[in-house]
C-alpha atoms as a PDB file:
ATOM      1  CA  UNK A   1      11.468 -14.072  24.606  1.00  0.00           C
ATOM      2  CA  UNK A   2      12.299 -16.083  21.500  1.00  0.00           C
ATOM      3  CA  UNK A   3      10.684 -15.040  18.250  1.00  0.00           C
ATOM      4  CA  UNK A   4       9.146 -18.151  16.736  1.00  0.00           C
ATOM      5  CA  UNK A   5       9.230 -18.245  12.934  1.00  0.00           C
ATOM      6  CA  UNK A   6       5.971 -19.860  11.964  1.00  0.00           C
ATOM      7  CA  UNK A   7       2.673 -19.264  10.162  1.00  0.00           C
ATOM      8  CA  UNK A   8       2.190 -15.872  11.826  1.00  0.00           C
ATOM      9  CA  UNK A   9       5.553 -14.640  10.566  1.00  0.00           C
ATOM     10  CA  UNK A  10       4.676 -15.633   6.996  1.00  0.00           C
ATOM     11  CA  UNK A  11       1.237 -14.071   7.400  1.00  0.00           C
ATOM     12  CA  UNK A  12       2.780 -10.843   8.703  1.00  0.00           C
ATOM     13  CA  UNK A  13       5.277 -10.702   5.835  1.00  0.00           C
ATOM     14  CA  UNK A  14       2.555 -11.224   3.223  1.00  0.00           C
ATOM     15  CA  UNK A  15       0.344  -8.647   4.923  1.00  0.00           C
ATOM     16  CA  UNK A  16       3.197  -6.138   4.980  1.00  0.00           C
ATOM     17  CA  UNK A  17       3.857  -6.682   1.264  1.00  0.00           C
ATOM     18  CA  UNK A  18       0.168  -6.211   0.435  1.00  0.00           C
ATOM     19  CA  UNK A  19      -0.031  -3.056   2.568  1.00  0.00           C
ATOM     20  CA  UNK A  20       3.060  -1.625   0.878  1.00  0.00           C
ATOM     21  CA  UNK A  21       1.577  -2.455  -2.531  1.00  0.00           C
ATOM     22  CA  UNK A  22      -1.748  -0.813  -1.600  1.00  0.00           C
ATOM     23  CA  UNK A  23       0.017   2.305  -0.299  1.00  0.00           C
ATOM     24  CA  UNK A  24       2.074   2.593  -3.492  1.00  0.00           C
ATOM     25  CA  UNK A  25      -1.061   2.205  -5.629  1.00  0.00           C
ATOM     26  CA  UNK A  26      -2.829   4.687  -3.344  1.00  0.00           C
ATOM     27  CA  UNK A  27      -0.178   7.317  -4.085  1.00  0.00           C
ATOM     28  CA  UNK A  28      -0.531   6.707  -7.836  1.00  0.00           C
ATOM     29  CA  UNK A  29      -4.321   6.992  -7.571  1.00  0.00           C
ATOM     30  CA  UNK A  30      -3.994  10.280  -5.655  1.00  0.00           C
ATOM     31  CA  UNK A  31      -1.672  11.658  -8.341  1.00  0.00           C
ATOM     32  CA  UNK A  32      -4.132  10.631 -11.064  1.00  0.00           C
ATOM     33  CA  UNK A  33      -7.031  12.220  -9.167  1.00  0.00           C
ATOM     34  CA  UNK A  34      -5.060  15.425  -8.597  1.00  0.00           C
ATOM     35  CA  UNK A  35      -4.253  15.653 -12.316  1.00  0.00           C
ATOM     36  CA  UNK A  36      -7.904  15.000 -13.143  1.00  0.00           C
ATOM     37  CA  UNK A  37      -9.127  17.693 -10.723  1.00  0.00           C
ATOM     38  CA  UNK A  38      -6.633  20.216 -12.114  1.00  0.00           C
ATOM     39  CA  UNK A  39      -7.942  19.575 -15.641  1.00  0.00           C
ATOM     40  CA  UNK A  40     -11.544  20.011 -14.469  1.00  0.00           C
ATOM     41  CA  UNK A  41     -10.846  23.235 -12.566  1.00  0.00           C
ATOM     42  CA  UNK A  42      -9.197  24.922 -15.564  1.00  0.00           C
END
């Protein structure tokens, strides 16, 4: 089974980059929310 490098490969790579970016931003957002909730609860 040969892996054909074509449009789908580029699409997958772009999708992976976007997912990684979203996950990284998601972690930052969670940290911000946690800090915000801690301030509220005090």
